[in-house]
Each structure stands twice: as C-alpha cells, then as structure tokens.
Amino acid sequence: MNQLTTAESARKAELIETVDEGQKVFIAVGRALQEIRDSGLYRDETDTFEQFVKKRFNLSKSVAYERINACQTQADLSAIADVLPT
C-alpha cells in the first residue's frame, strides 16, 4: 500500500463524506417516492403515480421504481443485519 499525501487524505475524507451523505439521501428519496405512491399523494396533479414522477421530477417509471426498490432492499438488509451475530 502507498501512503497518501495530506492533500489526498483530506480529499478522500471529503469524497467519503459525500458518498455517505448521498446514500442517506438516496434512501430518503426512495422512501418519499414510496409514500407518495402508496398514499396516492399524486392524485391532485395526475391520474397515476407514473405520470406524476414524469411531470414533477422528469423520472421514468422504471427509475422511480428502482429507487423505491433500493430503499426497500436497504430496509430488508438492515433487518437481517440486526439479527446476525456480531
């Protein structure tokens, strides 16, 4: 392994923080989309959830559902990790 310079170490720390925060936001986005879909909170603007995400966020149906599925997968994995022995 090679040592990082002080500048490289600082930059690495910034990038790791960005990824950590991005993962939190990614999960939050999935949860928000799921609640909008499941609660029908789109119905004042469009007839379907798919129309809503396209109109409001310019997201395709498949991308919206990928984000919802990702947050569900994360929740499932968290539940499994909580019961695994350390």
Protein backbone atom coordinates (compact mmCIF):
# COMPACT_ATOMS: atom_id res chain seq x y z
CA MET A 1 0.00 0.00 0.00
CA ASN A 2 1.09 3.52 -0.73
CA GLN A 3 0.79 6.47 1.63
CA LEU A 4 -1.49 9.31 0.62
CA THR A 5 -0.34 12.88 0.78
CA THR A 6 -2.02 15.19 3.27
CA ALA A 7 -3.99 16.78 0.43
CA GLU A 8 -5.04 13.37 -0.90
CA SER A 9 -6.13 12.21 2.56
CA ALA A 10 -8.20 15.36 3.02
CA ARG A 11 -9.80 14.96 -0.40
CA LYS A 12 -10.51 11.28 0.28
CA ALA A 13 -12.28 12.22 3.52
CA GLU A 14 -14.42 14.77 1.64
CA LEU A 15 -15.34 12.22 -1.02
CA ILE A 16 -16.21 9.56 1.54
CA GLU A 17 -18.46 12.05 3.32
CA THR A 18 -20.16 12.87 0.00
CA VAL A 19 -20.82 9.18 -0.67
CA ASP A 20 -22.09 8.60 2.89
CA GLU A 21 -24.46 11.58 2.67
CA GLY A 22 -25.53 10.61 -0.85
CA GLN A 23 -26.51 7.15 0.31
CA LYS A 24 -28.69 8.65 3.03
CA VAL A 25 -30.36 10.97 0.53
CA PHE A 26 -30.81 8.14 -1.98
CA ILE A 27 -32.69 6.10 0.63
CA ALA A 28 -34.74 9.13 1.68
CA VAL A 29 -35.74 9.76 -1.94
CA GLY A 30 -36.87 6.15 -2.32
CA ARG A 31 -38.93 6.34 0.86
CA ALA A 32 -40.51 9.63 -0.22
CA LEU A 33 -41.44 8.23 -3.63
CA GLN A 34 -42.86 5.12 -1.98
CA GLU A 35 -45.05 7.15 0.37
CA ILE A 36 -46.26 9.40 -2.45
CA ARG A 37 -47.18 6.29 -4.44
CA ASP A 38 -48.67 4.25 -1.61
CA SER A 39 -50.70 7.14 -0.18
CA GLY A 40 -51.90 8.41 -3.54
CA LEU A 41 -50.42 11.84 -2.86
CA TYR A 42 -50.06 12.42 -6.61
CA ARG A 43 -53.80 12.41 -7.29
CA ASP A 44 -54.25 16.20 -7.09
CA GLU A 45 -51.89 16.64 -10.06
CA THR A 46 -52.11 13.49 -12.17
CA ASP A 47 -54.14 10.32 -12.53
CA THR A 48 -51.22 7.98 -11.93
CA PHE A 49 -48.02 7.86 -9.94
CA GLU A 50 -46.09 7.24 -13.15
CA GLN A 51 -47.47 10.43 -14.70
CA PHE A 52 -46.66 12.34 -11.53
CA VAL A 53 -42.99 11.35 -11.34
CA LYS A 54 -42.55 12.12 -15.03
CA LYS A 55 -44.23 15.53 -14.74
CA ARG A 56 -42.77 16.58 -11.39
CA PHE A 57 -39.27 15.07 -11.43
CA ASN A 58 -38.78 14.04 -15.06
CA LEU A 59 -38.22 10.46 -13.87
CA SER A 60 -39.28 7.46 -15.87
CA LYS A 61 -41.47 4.85 -14.23
CA SER A 62 -38.56 2.40 -14.13
CA VAL A 63 -36.20 4.86 -12.40
CA ALA A 64 -38.83 5.78 -9.80
CA TYR A 65 -39.46 2.12 -9.03
CA GLU A 66 -35.72 1.36 -8.92
CA ARG A 67 -35.34 4.00 -6.22
CA ILE A 68 -38.30 2.63 -4.28
CA ASN A 69 -36.95 -0.91 -4.58
CA ALA A 70 -33.49 0.20 -3.46
CA CYS A 71 -34.86 1.67 -0.23
CA GLN A 72 -36.90 -1.48 0.38
CA THR A 73 -33.81 -3.64 -0.19
CA GLN A 74 -31.80 -1.48 2.20
CA ALA A 75 -34.51 -1.86 4.84
CA ASP A 76 -34.58 -5.64 4.33
CA LEU A 77 -30.81 -5.88 4.62
CA SER A 78 -30.80 -3.71 7.74
CA ALA A 79 -33.34 -6.03 9.35
CA ILE A 80 -31.17 -9.04 8.55
CA ALA A 81 -28.01 -7.36 9.83
CA ASP A 82 -29.74 -6.50 13.11
CA VAL A 83 -30.32 -10.19 13.89
CA LEU A 84 -26.96 -11.53 12.75
CA PRO A 85 -24.42 -12.30 15.47
CA THR A 86 -21.55 -9.86 15.71
